[in-house]
């Protein structure tokens, strides 16, 4: 497995769970004197600030749910186009024109889903394949920070300790990043879904059959009569960011 992806998986185990608390997130991201004031955090994220901490990413990710731009149920045709372009690439000998188009479309896709691990990963891959190491690392750092925020929000092993997500596809991205094949998810409560593993595995003598995810934020502003259609699945390791030499 790529060294970068191993880093993504190992770091969350080193920190304690940080369950998002809405009152705390609102207070800190709306206070202009707070180091987590959202406008300032977003500017740092958008410009590729490599000094963003895990706490910064916690407030960035979960604070986004309170931003006007957060519309998780809107269709994102640019994301579909990115996946089509990526599917057409030869990872070992990618076409330059396709890579450049992927970057252009990817930036539009990220406007609607700025914390998508799969989009950030594909952007890192494209920049790396084109030789832009600075942007490759910037997008990799963003992806890594988002992954850590989600993984730190709960162990996902029970309905009472789910991992918290802003988009349904973020749950699948997390599992794919962990190298886990998954089946069709099912809703187990008004706020939690369970994603079963295709092949359960044993940890500390206990069989792990799947993971729980809190999706409540997705439906905070659900339009009347809306029916959600899930995105196509995507394997995280198909196009991995390049490794620094």
C-alpha atoms as a PDB file:
ATOM      1  CA  UNK A   1       0.000   0.000   0.000  1.00  0.00           C
ATOM      2  CA  UNK A   2       1.140   3.509  -0.747  1.00  0.00           C
ATOM      3  CA  UNK A   3       3.085   5.088   2.140  1.00  0.00           C
ATOM      4  CA  UNK A   4       0.781   8.112   2.164  1.00  0.00           C
ATOM      5  CA  UNK A   5      -2.351   6.036   2.632  1.00  0.00           C
ATOM      6  CA  UNK A   6      -0.689   4.177   5.485  1.00  0.00           C
ATOM      7  CA  UNK A   7      -0.083   7.539   7.123  1.00  0.00           C
ATOM      8  CA  UNK A   8      -3.771   8.360   6.769  1.00  0.00           C
ATOM      9  CA  UNK A   9      -4.726   5.155   8.531  1.00  0.00           C
ATOM     10  CA  UNK A  10      -2.182   5.226  11.336  1.00  0.00           C
ATOM     11  CA  UNK A  11      -2.510   8.792  12.555  1.00  0.00           C
ATOM     12  CA  UNK A  12      -6.097   8.619  13.867  1.00  0.00           C
ATOM     13  CA  UNK A  13      -5.120   5.865  16.286  1.00  0.00           C
ATOM     14  CA  UNK A  14      -2.739   8.287  17.950  1.00  0.00           C
ATOM     15  CA  UNK A  15      -5.411  10.768  19.007  1.00  0.00           C
ATOM     16  CA  UNK A  16      -8.438  10.487  21.257  1.00  0.00           C
ATOM     17  CA  UNK A  17     -11.951  10.561  19.847  1.00  0.00           C
ATOM     18  CA  UNK A  18     -13.212  14.070  19.089  1.00  0.00           C
ATOM     19  CA  UNK A  19     -16.979  13.857  18.764  1.00  0.00           C
ATOM     20  CA  UNK A  20     -18.374  16.987  17.075  1.00  0.00           C
ATOM     21  CA  UNK A  21     -20.478  19.034  19.495  1.00  0.00           C
ATOM     22  CA  UNK A  22     -22.711  21.478  17.657  1.00  0.00           C
ATOM     23  CA  UNK A  23     -22.774  24.221  20.306  1.00  0.00           C
ATOM     24  CA  UNK A  24     -18.977  24.192  20.512  1.00  0.00           C
ATOM     25  CA  UNK A  25     -18.545  24.190  16.737  1.00  0.00           C
ATOM     26  CA  UNK A  26     -20.971  27.069  16.242  1.00  0.00           C
ATOM     27  CA  UNK A  27     -19.437  29.140  19.012  1.00  0.00           C
ATOM     28  CA  UNK A  28     -15.858  28.722  17.870  1.00  0.00           C
ATOM     29  CA  UNK A  29     -16.396  29.049  14.112  1.00  0.00           C
ATOM     30  CA  UNK A  30     -18.569  32.175  14.397  1.00  0.00           C
ATOM     31  CA  UNK A  31     -16.384  34.045  16.895  1.00  0.00           C
ATOM     32  CA  UNK A  32     -14.095  36.434  15.006  1.00  0.00           C
ATOM     33  CA  UNK A  33     -11.610  36.298  17.903  1.00  0.00           C
ATOM     34  CA  UNK A  34     -11.438  32.496  17.835  1.00  0.00           C
ATOM     35  CA  UNK A  35      -8.521  30.700  16.162  1.00  0.00           C
ATOM     36  CA  UNK A  36     -11.236  28.563  14.547  1.00  0.00           C
ATOM     37  CA  UNK A  37     -13.194  31.443  13.032  1.00  0.00           C
ATOM     38  CA  UNK A  38     -14.488  29.830   9.875  1.00  0.00           C
ATOM     39  CA  UNK A  39     -13.618  32.536   7.364  1.00  0.00           C
ATOM     40  CA  UNK A  40      -9.989  32.455   8.502  1.00  0.00           C
ATOM     41  CA  UNK A  41      -9.852  28.661   8.593  1.00  0.00           C
ATOM     42  CA  UNK A  42     -11.337  28.413   5.122  1.00  0.00           C
ATOM     43  CA  UNK A  43      -8.817  30.867   3.691  1.00  0.00           C
ATOM     44  CA  UNK A  44      -5.975  28.776   5.120  1.00  0.00           C
ATOM     45  CA  UNK A  45      -7.494  25.573   3.757  1.00  0.00           C
ATOM     46  CA  UNK A  46      -8.169  27.057   0.336  1.00  0.00           C
ATOM     47  CA  UNK A  47      -4.605  28.377  -0.002  1.00  0.00           C
ATOM     48  CA  UNK A  48      -3.051  25.050   1.011  1.00  0.00           C
ATOM     49  CA  UNK A  49      -1.725  26.074   4.436  1.00  0.00           C
ATOM     50  CA  UNK A  50       0.368  23.104   5.575  1.00  0.00           C
ATOM     51  CA  UNK A  51       0.298  24.230   9.233  1.00  0.00           C
ATOM     52  CA  UNK A  52      -3.391  23.357   9.740  1.00  0.00           C
ATOM     53  CA  UNK A  53      -3.712  21.096  12.784  1.00  0.00           C
ATOM     54  CA  UNK A  54      -6.105  18.223  13.517  1.00  0.00           C
ATOM     55  CA  UNK A  55      -8.177  20.633  15.629  1.00  0.00           C
ATOM     56  CA  UNK A  56      -8.290  23.041  12.677  1.00  0.00           C
ATOM     57  CA  UNK A  57      -9.577  20.263  10.422  1.00  0.00           C
ATOM     58  CA  UNK A  58     -12.177  19.262  13.012  1.00  0.00           C
ATOM     59  CA  UNK A  59     -13.696  22.751  12.965  1.00  0.00           C
ATOM     60  CA  UNK A  60     -13.192  23.132   9.225  1.00  0.00           C
ATOM     61  CA  UNK A  61     -14.998  19.913   8.370  1.00  0.00           C
ATOM     62  CA  UNK A  62     -17.875  20.043  10.849  1.00  0.00           C
ATOM     63  CA  UNK A  63     -18.136  23.829  10.727  1.00  0.00           C
ATOM     64  CA  UNK A  64     -18.867  23.559   7.007  1.00  0.00           C
ATOM     65  CA  UNK A  65     -22.328  22.223   7.899  1.00  0.00           C
ATOM     66  CA  UNK A  66     -23.213  25.770   9.024  1.00  0.00           C
ATOM     67  CA  UNK A  67     -22.014  27.489   5.877  1.00  0.00           C
ATOM     68  CA  UNK A  68     -24.393  28.658   3.162  1.00  0.00           C
ATOM     69  CA  UNK A  69     -22.417  26.698   0.574  1.00  0.00           C
ATOM     70  CA  UNK A  70     -23.170  23.387   2.321  1.00  0.00           C
ATOM     71  CA  UNK A  71     -25.857  21.776   0.148  1.00  0.00           C
ATOM     72  CA  UNK A  72     -25.163  18.026   0.349  1.00  0.00           C
ATOM     73  CA  UNK A  73     -28.309  16.988  -1.536  1.00  0.00           C
ATOM     74  CA  UNK A  74     -27.587  19.053  -4.639  1.00  0.00           C
ATOM     75  CA  UNK A  75     -26.541  17.203  -7.787  1.00  0.00           C
ATOM     76  CA  UNK A  76     -22.841  17.549  -8.590  1.00  0.00           C
ATOM     77  CA  UNK A  77     -22.397  16.786 -12.306  1.00  0.00           C
ATOM     78  CA  UNK A  78     -18.780  17.952 -12.206  1.00  0.00           C
ATOM     79  CA  UNK A  79     -17.956  15.149  -9.756  1.00  0.00           C
ATOM     80  CA  UNK A  80     -19.454  12.598 -12.147  1.00  0.00           C
ATOM     81  CA  UNK A  81     -17.309  14.027 -14.937  1.00  0.00           C
ATOM     82  CA  UNK A  82     -14.178  13.766 -12.768  1.00  0.00           C
ATOM     83  CA  UNK A  83     -14.858  10.085 -12.125  1.00  0.00           C
ATOM     84  CA  UNK A  84     -15.407   9.449 -15.835  1.00  0.00           C
ATOM     85  CA  UNK A  85     -12.109  11.128 -16.681  1.00  0.00           C
ATOM     86  CA  UNK A  86     -10.298   9.207 -13.952  1.00  0.00           C
ATOM     87  CA  UNK A  87     -11.759   5.910 -15.147  1.00  0.00           C
ATOM     88  CA  UNK A  88     -10.353   6.577 -18.617  1.00  0.00           C
ATOM     89  CA  UNK A  89      -6.808   7.188 -17.349  1.00  0.00           C
ATOM     90  CA  UNK A  90      -3.972   4.718 -17.434  1.00  0.00           C
ATOM     91  CA  UNK A  91      -2.441   5.234 -13.939  1.00  0.00           C
ATOM     92  CA  UNK A  92       1.004   4.251 -15.212  1.00  0.00           C
ATOM     93  CA  UNK A  93       0.927   6.413 -18.347  1.00  0.00           C
ATOM     94  CA  UNK A  94      -1.835   9.036 -17.932  1.00  0.00           C
ATOM     95  CA  UNK A  95      -2.754  11.278 -20.840  1.00  0.00           C
ATOM     96  CA  UNK A  96      -1.722  14.884 -20.217  1.00  0.00           C
ATOM     97  CA  UNK A  97      -4.826  16.384 -21.817  1.00  0.00           C
ATOM     98  CA  UNK A  98      -7.116  14.234 -19.693  1.00  0.00           C
ATOM     99  CA  UNK A  99      -5.189  15.170 -16.551  1.00  0.00           C
ATOM    100  CA  UNK A 100      -5.499  18.871 -17.313  1.00  0.00           C
ATOM    101  CA  UNK A 101      -9.248  18.530 -17.930  1.00  0.00           C
ATOM    102  CA  UNK A 102      -9.601  16.546 -14.714  1.00  0.00           C
ATOM    103  CA  UNK A 103      -8.012  19.414 -12.778  1.00  0.00           C
ATOM    104  CA  UNK A 104     -10.312  22.000 -14.326  1.00  0.00           C
ATOM    105  CA  UNK A 105     -13.465  19.976 -13.721  1.00  0.00           C
ATOM    106  CA  UNK A 106     -12.212  18.861 -10.308  1.00  0.00           C
ATOM    107  CA  UNK A 107     -12.012  22.445  -9.061  1.00  0.00           C
ATOM    108  CA  UNK A 108     -15.666  22.950 -10.006  1.00  0.00           C
ATOM    109  CA  UNK A 109     -16.628  19.663  -8.342  1.00  0.00           C
ATOM    110  CA  UNK A 110     -14.883  20.712  -5.125  1.00  0.00           C
ATOM    111  CA  UNK A 111     -16.986  23.877  -4.947  1.00  0.00           C
ATOM    112  CA  UNK A 112     -19.953  21.667  -4.015  1.00  0.00           C
ATOM    113  CA  UNK A 113     -18.006  19.038  -2.077  1.00  0.00           C
ATOM    114  CA  UNK A 114     -14.762  20.669  -0.876  1.00  0.00           C
ATOM    115  CA  UNK A 115     -13.914  17.920   1.624  1.00  0.00           C
ATOM    116  CA  UNK A 116     -14.451  14.900  -0.613  1.00  0.00           C
ATOM    117  CA  UNK A 117     -11.553  12.482   0.021  1.00  0.00           C
ATOM    118  CA  UNK A 118     -11.900  10.928  -3.421  1.00  0.00           C
ATOM    119  CA  UNK A 119     -11.900  14.272  -5.246  1.00  0.00           C
ATOM    120  CA  UNK A 120      -8.950  15.545  -3.221  1.00  0.00           C
ATOM    121  CA  UNK A 121      -7.095  12.299  -3.901  1.00  0.00           C
ATOM    122  CA  UNK A 122      -7.697  12.511  -7.646  1.00  0.00           C
ATOM    123  CA  UNK A 123      -6.580  16.139  -7.699  1.00  0.00           C
ATOM    124  CA  UNK A 124      -3.373  15.148  -5.903  1.00  0.00           C
ATOM    125  CA  UNK A 125      -2.815  12.347  -8.393  1.00  0.00           C
ATOM    126  CA  UNK A 126      -3.358  14.625 -11.408  1.00  0.00           C
ATOM    127  CA  UNK A 127      -1.034  17.336 -10.134  1.00  0.00           C
ATOM    128  CA  UNK A 128       1.616  14.744  -9.291  1.00  0.00           C
ATOM    129  CA  UNK A 129       1.349  13.118 -12.701  1.00  0.00           C
ATOM    130  CA  UNK A 130       1.833  16.553 -14.285  1.00  0.00           C
ATOM    131  CA  UNK A 131       4.914  17.187 -12.164  1.00  0.00           C
ATOM    132  CA  UNK A 132       3.464  19.859  -9.851  1.00  0.00           C
ATOM    133  CA  UNK A 133       4.748  18.523  -6.533  1.00  0.00           C
ATOM    134  CA  UNK A 134       3.654  21.556  -4.523  1.00  0.00           C
ATOM    135  CA  UNK A 135      -0.012  21.241  -5.473  1.00  0.00           C
ATOM    136  CA  UNK A 136       0.179  17.454  -5.245  1.00  0.00           C
ATOM    137  CA  UNK A 137       1.237  17.718  -1.612  1.00  0.00           C
ATOM    138  CA  UNK A 138      -1.302  20.463  -0.855  1.00  0.00           C
ATOM    139  CA  UNK A 139      -4.209  18.317  -2.019  1.00  0.00           C
ATOM    140  CA  UNK A 140      -2.786  15.260  -0.306  1.00  0.00           C
ATOM    141  CA  UNK A 141      -2.546  17.221   2.958  1.00  0.00           C
ATOM    142  CA  UNK A 142      -6.180  18.316   2.611  1.00  0.00           C
ATOM    143  CA  UNK A 143      -7.299  14.748   2.005  1.00  0.00           C
ATOM    144  CA  UNK A 144      -5.296  13.492   4.951  1.00  0.00           C
ATOM    145  CA  UNK A 145      -6.672  16.174   7.285  1.00  0.00           C
ATOM    146  CA  UNK A 146     -10.280  15.432   6.336  1.00  0.00           C
ATOM    147  CA  UNK A 147      -9.739  11.701   6.814  1.00  0.00           C
ATOM    148  CA  UNK A 148      -8.295  12.241  10.276  1.00  0.00           C
ATOM    149  CA  UNK A 149     -11.239  14.450  11.287  1.00  0.00           C
ATOM    150  CA  UNK A 150     -13.778  11.796  10.283  1.00  0.00           C
ATOM    151  CA  UNK A 151     -11.858   8.902  11.814  1.00  0.00           C
ATOM    152  CA  UNK A 152     -11.419  10.797  15.086  1.00  0.00           C
ATOM    153  CA  UNK A 153     -15.148  11.545  15.407  1.00  0.00           C
ATOM    154  CA  UNK A 154     -15.994   8.016  16.588  1.00  0.00           C
ATOM    155  CA  UNK A 155     -14.804   4.435  16.265  1.00  0.00           C
ATOM    156  CA  UNK A 156     -17.856   3.511  14.196  1.00  0.00           C
ATOM    157  CA  UNK A 157     -18.201   0.176  15.986  1.00  0.00           C
ATOM    158  CA  UNK A 158     -21.641   0.832  17.484  1.00  0.00           C
ATOM    159  CA  UNK A 159     -24.689   2.950  16.880  1.00  0.00           C
ATOM    160  CA  UNK A 160     -23.751   5.054  19.913  1.00  0.00           C
ATOM    161  CA  UNK A 161     -20.229   5.812  18.635  1.00  0.00           C
ATOM    162  CA  UNK A 162     -20.613   6.442  14.888  1.00  0.00           C
ATOM    163  CA  UNK A 163     -18.225   8.287  12.636  1.00  0.00           C
ATOM    164  CA  UNK A 164     -19.746  11.624  11.647  1.00  0.00           C
ATOM    165  CA  UNK A 165     -19.929  12.570   7.962  1.00  0.00           C
ATOM    166  CA  UNK A 166     -21.140  15.544   5.915  1.00  0.00           C
ATOM    167  CA  UNK A 167     -21.793  13.558   2.736  1.00  0.00           C
ATOM    168  CA  UNK A 168     -22.843   9.938   2.270  1.00  0.00           C
ATOM    169  CA  UNK A 169     -19.939   9.264  -0.086  1.00  0.00           C
ATOM    170  CA  UNK A 170     -17.433  10.336   2.584  1.00  0.00           C
ATOM    171  CA  UNK A 171     -18.312   7.186   4.542  1.00  0.00           C
ATOM    172  CA  UNK A 172     -17.488   4.974   1.589  1.00  0.00           C
ATOM    173  CA  UNK A 173     -14.268   6.885   0.929  1.00  0.00           C
ATOM    174  CA  UNK A 174     -13.124   6.254   4.502  1.00  0.00           C
ATOM    175  CA  UNK A 175     -13.743   2.514   4.207  1.00  0.00           C
ATOM    176  CA  UNK A 176     -12.069   2.351   0.801  1.00  0.00           C
ATOM    177  CA  UNK A 177      -9.049   4.198   2.209  1.00  0.00           C
ATOM    178  CA  UNK A 178      -8.816   1.549   4.907  1.00  0.00           C
ATOM    179  CA  UNK A 179      -8.738  -1.111   2.196  1.00  0.00           C
ATOM    180  CA  UNK A 180     -12.147  -2.469   3.217  1.00  0.00           C
ATOM    181  CA  UNK A 181     -14.669  -3.814   0.703  1.00  0.00           C
ATOM    182  CA  UNK A 182     -18.232  -2.966   1.689  1.00  0.00           C
ATOM    183  CA  UNK A 183     -21.787  -3.917   0.868  1.00  0.00           C
ATOM    184  CA  UNK A 184     -24.998  -1.918   0.606  1.00  0.00           C
ATOM    185  CA  UNK A 185     -25.586   0.366   3.572  1.00  0.00           C
ATOM    186  CA  UNK A 186     -28.805   0.333   5.561  1.00  0.00           C
ATOM    187  CA  UNK A 187     -30.441   2.953   7.749  1.00  0.00           C
ATOM    188  CA  UNK A 188     -30.658   1.863  11.394  1.00  0.00           C
ATOM    189  CA  UNK A 189     -32.104   5.043  12.915  1.00  0.00           C
ATOM    190  CA  UNK A 190     -33.123   8.576  11.950  1.00  0.00           C
ATOM    191  CA  UNK A 191     -29.495   9.691  12.067  1.00  0.00           C
ATOM    192  CA  UNK A 192     -27.291   6.615  11.677  1.00  0.00           C
ATOM    193  CA  UNK A 193     -26.527   4.168   8.872  1.00  0.00           C
ATOM    194  CA  UNK A 194     -24.637   0.897   8.986  1.00  0.00           C
ATOM    195  CA  UNK A 195     -22.250  -0.055   6.176  1.00  0.00           C
ATOM    196  CA  UNK A 196     -21.512  -3.801   6.259  1.00  0.00           C
ATOM    197  CA  UNK A 197     -18.126  -5.151   5.259  1.00  0.00           C
ATOM    198  CA  UNK A 198     -18.032  -7.628   2.397  1.00  0.00           C
ATOM    199  CA  UNK A 199     -15.543  -9.667   4.422  1.00  0.00           C
ATOM    200  CA  UNK A 200     -15.716  -9.249   8.237  1.00  0.00           C
ATOM    201  CA  UNK A 201     -12.409  -9.337  10.079  1.00  0.00           C
ATOM    202  CA  UNK A 202     -11.347  -9.925  13.667  1.00  0.00           C
ATOM    203  CA  UNK A 203      -9.831  -7.223  15.903  1.00  0.00           C
ATOM    204  CA  UNK A 204      -8.857  -7.947  19.514  1.00  0.00           C
ATOM    205  CA  UNK A 205     -10.754 -11.202  19.384  1.00  0.00           C
ATOM    206  CA  UNK A 206     -13.985  -9.584  18.168  1.00  0.00           C
ATOM    207  CA  UNK A 207     -15.481  -9.906  14.706  1.00  0.00           C
ATOM    208  CA  UNK A 208     -16.024  -6.547  13.042  1.00  0.00           C
ATOM    209  CA  UNK A 209     -18.908  -6.784  10.581  1.00  0.00           C
ATOM    210  CA  UNK A 210     -19.188  -3.157   9.515  1.00  0.00           C
ATOM    211  CA  UNK A 211     -19.206   0.480  10.592  1.00  0.00           C
ATOM    212  CA  UNK A 212     -21.797   2.989  11.754  1.00  0.00           C
ATOM    213  CA  UNK A 213     -21.938   6.536  10.381  1.00  0.00           C
ATOM    214  CA  UNK A 214     -23.931   9.531  11.587  1.00  0.00           C
ATOM    215  CA  UNK A 215     -25.458  11.204   8.510  1.00  0.00           C
ATOM    216  CA  UNK A 216     -27.798  13.592  10.352  1.00  0.00           C
ATOM    217  CA  UNK A 217     -26.176  16.745   8.969  1.00  0.00           C
ATOM    218  CA  UNK A 218     -26.979  15.691   5.403  1.00  0.00           C
ATOM    219  CA  UNK A 219     -30.706  16.081   6.076  1.00  0.00           C
ATOM    220  CA  UNK A 220     -30.669  19.248   8.189  1.00  0.00           C
ATOM    221  CA  UNK A 221     -32.032  21.264   5.269  1.00  0.00           C
ATOM    222  CA  UNK A 222     -33.656  18.455   3.289  1.00  0.00           C
ATOM    223  CA  UNK A 223     -36.067  19.793   0.632  1.00  0.00           C
ATOM    224  CA  UNK A 224     -39.676  18.647   0.939  1.00  0.00           C
ATOM    225  CA  UNK A 225     -40.287  15.335  -0.840  1.00  0.00           C
ATOM    226  CA  UNK A 226     -36.603  14.848  -1.674  1.00  0.00           C
ATOM    227  CA  UNK A 227     -35.356  11.333  -2.508  1.00  0.00           C
ATOM    228  CA  UNK A 228     -31.605  10.796  -2.277  1.00  0.00           C
ATOM    229  CA  UNK A 229     -29.798   8.849  -5.003  1.00  0.00           C
ATOM    230  CA  UNK A 230     -26.399   7.600  -3.898  1.00  0.00           C
ATOM    231  CA  UNK A 231     -23.270   8.259  -5.912  1.00  0.00           C
ATOM    232  CA  UNK A 232     -21.572   5.385  -7.660  1.00  0.00           C
ATOM    233  CA  UNK A 233     -19.006   3.566  -5.571  1.00  0.00           C
ATOM    234  CA  UNK A 234     -15.337   4.335  -6.005  1.00  0.00           C
ATOM    235  CA  UNK A 235     -12.237   2.409  -5.030  1.00  0.00           C
ATOM    236  CA  UNK A 236      -9.811   4.684  -3.203  1.00  0.00           C
ATOM    237  CA  UNK A 237      -6.652   2.935  -4.361  1.00  0.00           C
ATOM    238  CA  UNK A 238      -7.324   2.986  -8.113  1.00  0.00           C
ATOM    239  CA  UNK A 239      -5.409   6.243  -8.539  1.00  0.00           C
ATOM    240  CA  UNK A 240      -3.121   6.819  -5.603  1.00  0.00           C
ATOM    241  CA  UNK A 241      -1.163  10.034  -4.992  1.00  0.00           C
ATOM    242  CA  UNK A 242       2.443   9.680  -5.930  1.00  0.00           C
ATOM    243  CA  UNK A 243       5.022   8.976  -3.275  1.00  0.00           C
ATOM    244  CA  UNK A 244       7.802  11.488  -2.685  1.00  0.00           C
ATOM    245  CA  UNK A 245      11.276  10.263  -3.558  1.00  0.00           C
END
